[in-house]
Amino acid sequence: MRADLHIHTTCSDGTKSPEEIVSLAKSIGLAAIAITDHDTLEGVEPAVTAGRRLNLEVIPGIELSAECDSGEIHILGYLIDLNQQEFLDKLSLFRQGRIDRMKKMIDKLRDHGLEVQFNRVLEISGSGSLGRPHLAAALLETGAIKSTQEAFDRFIGNGKPAYVPRFKLSPEEAIQLIRAAGGVPVLAHPGMIESTPTPDELITAGLAGLEAYHPAHSRELSAYYVRLARAKGLIITGGSDYHGPGHTGRCRLGSDTVPCEVVSDLRKYAP
């Protein structure tokens, strides 16, 4: 029995609802999944409810963005207490930060003669966590670009004219925030990161696992991270990082999985 422990829904930048994700996971024979939307827990409860109906285990999760000197790092948090108020308050600050950032990027686009309405970006995001993909979609509607990728390449990608950096935690802060909410912190897709704090530094901060299996990792790279995790006593996790149809550069649901015993390992580690 297999588990996909890295999945996004329409509650962040995915294109399938939590309920649709659960239905698809069941149809392809997965035994467990984790909903790990960016900086939000809103997709977890609908997925858990759907999972109970279809007899599919759904692990509460999240993917927090962090920043270090070398760039962005993502920390996955599993088995988060959905009612931990300090954690929820921090997520509220993240949401407001996303709104403020979006308004600034729209202002920059207008400085370049591109008119995008903030309310339209909100409509496109729906209940999801507001982000650049929604702005790219709104920009595409204006006819100023021919694809959402062009929006990133020309205007809103890192270092481009309308880019505005987003508030982020340090990796250590993200790890500690997850642990304080009763969760299990795992370093996401380490092979996509140019440079990180050493594993020992992150372990000292409370890191519990390493995402060895990911679509961006070659077989050799996954094997390397498996060896590293075992040497450091870390939980070995993995997932597809599925964002749904229409999302550039992503694999199908269940393309990378781990045995369901990993879920048991996560539960043993959780406070």
Protein backbone atom coordinates (compact mmCIF):
# COMPACT_ATOMS: atom_id res chain seq x y z
CA MET A 1 0.00 0.00 0.00
CA ARG A 2 1.37 3.38 -1.05
CA ALA A 3 1.06 6.98 0.13
CA ASP A 4 1.55 10.25 -1.76
CA LEU A 5 2.63 12.80 0.85
CA HIS A 6 2.94 16.01 -1.20
CA ILE A 7 -0.25 17.27 -2.88
CA HIS A 8 -1.71 20.72 -3.59
CA THR A 9 -5.35 21.72 -4.11
CA THR A 10 -7.34 24.76 -5.18
CA CYS A 11 -6.83 26.05 -1.64
CA SER A 12 -3.36 27.15 -2.75
CA ASP A 13 -2.05 26.86 -6.31
CA GLY A 14 -3.52 23.51 -7.36
CA THR A 15 -6.25 23.07 -9.95
CA LYS A 16 -8.30 20.32 -8.30
CA SER A 17 -10.45 20.70 -5.18
CA PRO A 18 -9.66 18.68 -2.04
CA GLU A 19 -12.63 16.43 -2.76
CA GLU A 20 -11.48 15.85 -6.34
CA ILE A 21 -7.99 14.99 -5.11
CA VAL A 22 -9.36 12.37 -2.70
CA SER A 23 -11.55 10.84 -5.39
CA LEU A 24 -8.64 10.66 -7.85
CA ALA A 25 -6.30 9.20 -5.21
CA LYS A 26 -8.82 6.49 -4.40
CA SER A 27 -9.33 5.68 -8.08
CA ILE A 28 -5.62 5.05 -8.66
CA GLY A 29 -5.28 2.82 -5.62
CA LEU A 30 -3.48 5.02 -3.12
CA ALA A 31 -4.06 4.12 0.53
CA ALA A 32 -3.10 7.49 2.02
CA ILE A 33 -2.37 11.05 0.92
CA ALA A 34 -1.24 14.28 2.55
CA ILE A 35 -2.72 17.65 1.61
CA THR A 36 0.21 20.09 1.73
CA ASP A 37 -1.03 23.41 0.37
CA HIS A 38 1.22 26.45 0.51
CA ASP A 39 0.87 28.37 3.78
CA THR A 40 -2.74 27.27 4.39
CA LEU A 41 -4.66 24.47 6.07
CA GLU A 42 -7.99 25.26 4.41
CA GLY A 43 -7.98 22.20 2.16
CA VAL A 44 -7.37 19.70 4.94
CA GLU A 45 -10.80 19.35 6.55
CA PRO A 46 -12.71 18.95 3.24
CA ALA A 47 -10.20 16.31 2.18
CA VAL A 48 -10.40 14.48 5.53
CA THR A 49 -14.20 14.42 5.28
CA ALA A 50 -14.05 13.08 1.72
CA GLY A 51 -11.43 10.56 2.80
CA ARG A 52 -13.65 9.16 5.53
CA ARG A 53 -16.43 8.70 2.98
CA LEU A 54 -14.17 6.85 0.54
CA ASN A 55 -12.04 5.02 3.15
CA LEU A 56 -8.84 6.86 2.22
CA GLU A 57 -6.50 8.15 4.91
CA VAL A 58 -5.80 11.89 4.64
CA ILE A 59 -2.86 13.33 6.57
CA PRO A 60 -3.15 16.99 7.62
CA GLY A 61 -0.23 18.88 6.15
CA ILE A 62 1.16 22.17 4.93
CA GLU A 63 4.12 23.49 2.93
CA LEU A 64 5.72 26.58 4.46
CA SER A 65 8.00 28.86 2.48
CA ALA A 66 11.25 29.83 4.15
CA GLU A 67 14.24 31.90 3.12
CA CYS A 68 17.97 31.56 3.69
CA ASP A 69 20.99 33.29 2.18
CA SER A 70 21.00 31.02 -0.87
CA GLY A 71 17.29 31.39 -1.67
CA GLU A 72 13.95 29.78 -0.95
CA ILE A 73 13.45 26.57 1.01
CA HIS A 74 10.17 24.76 1.59
CA ILE A 75 9.39 22.91 4.80
CA LEU A 76 6.57 20.37 4.84
CA GLY A 77 4.64 19.98 8.07
CA TYR A 78 2.66 16.79 8.74
CA LEU A 79 0.00 16.03 11.36
CA ILE A 80 -0.48 19.71 12.23
CA ASP A 81 -2.99 20.48 14.98
CA LEU A 82 -5.69 22.29 12.99
CA ASN A 83 -6.83 24.19 16.08
CA GLN A 84 -3.46 25.48 17.30
CA GLN A 85 -4.17 29.21 17.56
CA GLU A 86 -0.61 30.52 17.33
CA PHE A 87 -0.12 28.62 14.10
CA LEU A 88 -3.44 29.86 12.70
CA ASP A 89 -2.56 33.44 13.64
CA LYS A 90 0.73 33.14 11.76
CA LEU A 91 -1.06 31.83 8.68
CA SER A 92 -3.38 34.85 8.85
CA LEU A 93 -0.32 37.09 8.69
CA PHE A 94 0.89 35.14 5.66
CA ARG A 95 -2.48 35.65 3.93
CA GLN A 96 -2.38 39.40 4.53
CA GLY A 97 1.19 39.48 3.28
CA ARG A 98 0.11 37.78 0.06
CA ILE A 99 -2.61 40.41 -0.45
CA ASP A 100 -0.20 43.30 0.13
CA ARG A 101 2.35 41.73 -2.20
CA MET A 102 -0.24 41.22 -4.95
CA LYS A 103 -1.29 44.86 -4.83
CA LYS A 104 2.33 45.98 -5.14
CA MET A 105 2.91 43.71 -8.15
CA ILE A 106 -0.21 45.02 -9.84
CA ASP A 107 1.03 48.57 -9.29
CA LYS A 108 4.34 47.63 -10.92
CA LEU A 109 2.54 46.10 -13.90
CA ARG A 110 0.58 49.31 -14.32
CA ASP A 111 3.84 51.24 -14.34
CA HIS A 112 4.69 49.12 -17.40
CA GLY A 113 1.38 49.88 -19.10
CA LEU A 114 -0.34 46.61 -18.14
CA GLU A 115 -3.76 46.96 -16.55
CA VAL A 116 -4.81 44.14 -14.21
CA GLN A 117 -7.66 44.42 -11.69
CA PHE A 118 -6.95 43.22 -8.17
CA ASN A 119 -10.55 42.01 -7.75
CA ARG A 120 -10.18 39.86 -10.85
CA VAL A 121 -7.07 38.22 -9.42
CA LEU A 122 -9.04 37.50 -6.24
CA GLU A 123 -11.85 35.96 -8.30
CA ILE A 124 -9.40 33.67 -10.08
CA SER A 125 -7.79 32.57 -6.82
CA GLY A 126 -11.20 31.70 -5.34
CA SER A 127 -10.70 30.22 -1.89
CA GLY A 128 -7.07 29.47 -2.69
CA SER A 129 -3.94 31.03 -1.26
CA LEU A 130 -3.32 34.13 -3.40
CA GLY A 131 -0.20 33.87 -5.53
CA ARG A 132 1.57 34.71 -8.75
CA PRO A 133 -0.15 31.97 -10.82
CA HIS A 134 -3.45 33.78 -10.25
CA LEU A 135 -1.90 37.07 -11.34
CA ALA A 136 -0.48 35.38 -14.43
CA ALA A 137 -3.92 34.04 -15.31
CA ALA A 138 -5.45 37.51 -14.95
CA LEU A 139 -2.70 39.00 -17.08
CA LEU A 140 -3.35 36.36 -19.76
CA GLU A 141 -6.99 37.42 -19.90
CA THR A 142 -5.96 40.96 -20.85
CA GLY A 143 -4.26 39.69 -24.00
CA ALA A 144 -0.92 41.26 -23.06
CA ILE A 145 0.75 37.83 -22.98
CA LYS A 146 0.23 34.54 -24.81
CA SER A 147 0.80 32.15 -21.88
CA THR A 148 1.03 32.23 -18.12
CA GLN A 149 4.67 31.17 -18.41
CA GLU A 150 5.33 34.34 -20.39
CA ALA A 151 4.02 36.33 -17.42
CA PHE A 152 6.74 34.83 -15.24
CA ASP A 153 9.44 35.08 -17.90
CA ARG A 154 8.78 38.74 -18.68
CA PHE A 155 7.15 40.34 -15.67
CA ILE A 156 6.56 38.50 -12.38
CA GLY A 157 9.34 35.92 -12.15
CA ASN A 158 12.15 36.41 -9.64
CA GLY A 159 14.18 39.46 -10.69
CA LYS A 160 11.67 40.60 -13.32
CA PRO A 161 10.21 44.16 -13.45
CA ALA A 162 6.98 43.48 -11.53
CA TYR A 163 8.37 40.96 -9.04
CA VAL A 164 7.89 41.70 -5.35
CA PRO A 165 9.48 39.37 -2.77
CA ARG A 166 7.16 37.67 -0.31
CA PHE A 167 7.61 37.64 3.45
CA LYS A 168 9.16 34.35 4.50
CA LEU A 169 10.36 32.67 7.65
CA SER A 170 13.84 31.34 8.15
CA PRO A 171 14.03 27.53 7.81
CA GLU A 172 14.61 27.27 11.55
CA GLU A 173 11.54 29.42 12.28
CA ALA A 174 9.39 27.32 9.94
CA ILE A 175 10.56 24.10 11.59
CA GLN A 176 9.91 25.44 15.08
CA LEU A 177 6.48 26.77 14.10
CA ILE A 178 5.46 23.35 12.78
CA ARG A 179 6.74 21.59 15.90
CA ALA A 180 4.90 24.04 18.16
CA ALA A 181 1.69 23.11 16.33
CA GLY A 182 2.26 19.42 17.03
CA GLY A 183 3.55 18.73 13.53
CA VAL A 184 6.44 16.84 11.98
CA PRO A 185 8.78 19.05 9.88
CA VAL A 186 10.30 17.62 6.69
CA LEU A 187 12.60 19.31 4.17
CA ALA A 188 10.79 19.38 0.81
CA HIS A 189 12.47 18.43 -2.49
CA PRO A 190 16.06 19.08 -1.36
CA GLY A 191 17.32 18.39 -4.87
CA MET A 192 15.62 21.58 -6.10
CA ILE A 193 17.52 23.76 -3.63
CA GLU A 194 20.84 25.25 -4.71
CA SER A 195 22.20 25.41 -1.19
CA THR A 196 20.74 24.85 2.24
CA PRO A 197 21.84 25.02 5.84
CA THR A 198 23.57 21.74 6.64
CA PRO A 199 21.32 18.83 7.67
CA ASP A 200 22.86 19.00 11.12
CA GLU A 201 21.80 22.65 11.47
CA LEU A 202 18.23 21.83 10.45
CA ILE A 203 18.17 18.74 12.66
CA THR A 204 19.27 20.89 15.61
CA ALA A 205 16.32 23.17 14.83
CA GLY A 206 13.99 20.13 14.93
CA LEU A 207 13.90 18.75 11.37
CA ALA A 208 12.47 15.22 11.41
CA GLY A 209 12.51 14.09 7.80
CA LEU A 210 13.77 14.44 4.26
CA GLU A 211 11.65 14.23 1.10
CA ALA A 212 13.83 11.80 -0.82
CA TYR A 213 11.28 10.88 -3.49
CA HIS A 214 10.08 13.73 -5.71
CA PRO A 215 9.55 14.19 -9.48
CA ALA A 216 12.51 16.61 -9.62
CA HIS A 217 14.87 13.94 -8.23
CA SER A 218 16.59 11.42 -10.45
CA ARG A 219 16.79 7.84 -9.23
CA GLU A 220 20.38 8.45 -8.22
CA LEU A 221 19.51 11.62 -6.34
CA SER A 222 16.67 9.91 -4.49
CA ALA A 223 19.07 7.14 -3.49
CA TYR A 224 21.53 9.75 -2.21
CA TYR A 225 18.87 11.39 -0.03
CA VAL A 226 17.73 8.02 1.27
CA ARG A 227 21.30 7.28 2.39
CA LEU A 228 21.64 10.76 3.90
CA ALA A 229 18.35 10.44 5.79
CA ARG A 230 19.31 7.05 7.18
CA ALA A 231 22.73 8.32 8.22
CA LYS A 232 21.13 11.25 10.06
CA GLY A 233 18.22 9.31 11.55
CA LEU A 234 15.61 11.21 9.53
CA ILE A 235 12.25 9.94 8.29
CA ILE A 236 12.29 9.24 4.55
CA THR A 237 9.24 10.72 2.82
CA GLY A 238 8.13 11.38 -0.73
CA GLY A 239 5.33 12.60 -2.92
CA SER A 240 4.31 13.76 -6.36
CA ASP A 241 4.01 17.49 -5.58
CA TYR A 242 0.83 17.21 -7.65
CA HIS A 243 -0.81 20.50 -8.60
CA GLY A 244 -3.41 19.20 -11.04
CA PRO A 245 -4.00 19.54 -14.79
CA GLY A 246 -2.72 22.68 -16.44
CA HIS A 247 0.08 23.29 -13.97
CA THR A 248 3.42 23.56 -15.75
CA GLY A 249 6.13 21.01 -15.07
CA ARG A 250 4.30 18.79 -12.61
CA CYS A 251 3.77 15.03 -12.63
CA ARG A 252 0.65 12.98 -12.18
CA LEU A 253 -0.82 12.16 -8.78
CA GLY A 254 0.94 9.15 -7.30
CA SER A 255 4.00 9.47 -9.56
CA ASP A 256 6.21 9.43 -6.45
CA THR A 257 5.06 7.57 -3.37
CA VAL A 258 6.31 5.90 -0.21
CA PRO A 259 5.08 2.85 1.75
CA CYS A 260 2.26 3.57 4.18
CA GLU A 261 4.63 2.60 6.99
CA VAL A 262 6.09 6.09 6.57
CA VAL A 263 2.80 7.49 7.87
CA SER A 264 3.29 5.38 10.99
CA ASP A 265 6.81 6.78 11.33
CA LEU A 266 5.42 10.31 11.18
CA ARG A 267 2.85 9.50 13.84
CA LYS A 268 5.53 8.06 16.13
CA TYR A 269 7.52 11.27 15.86
CA ALA A 270 4.58 13.66 16.42
CA PRO A 271 4.25 14.95 19.99
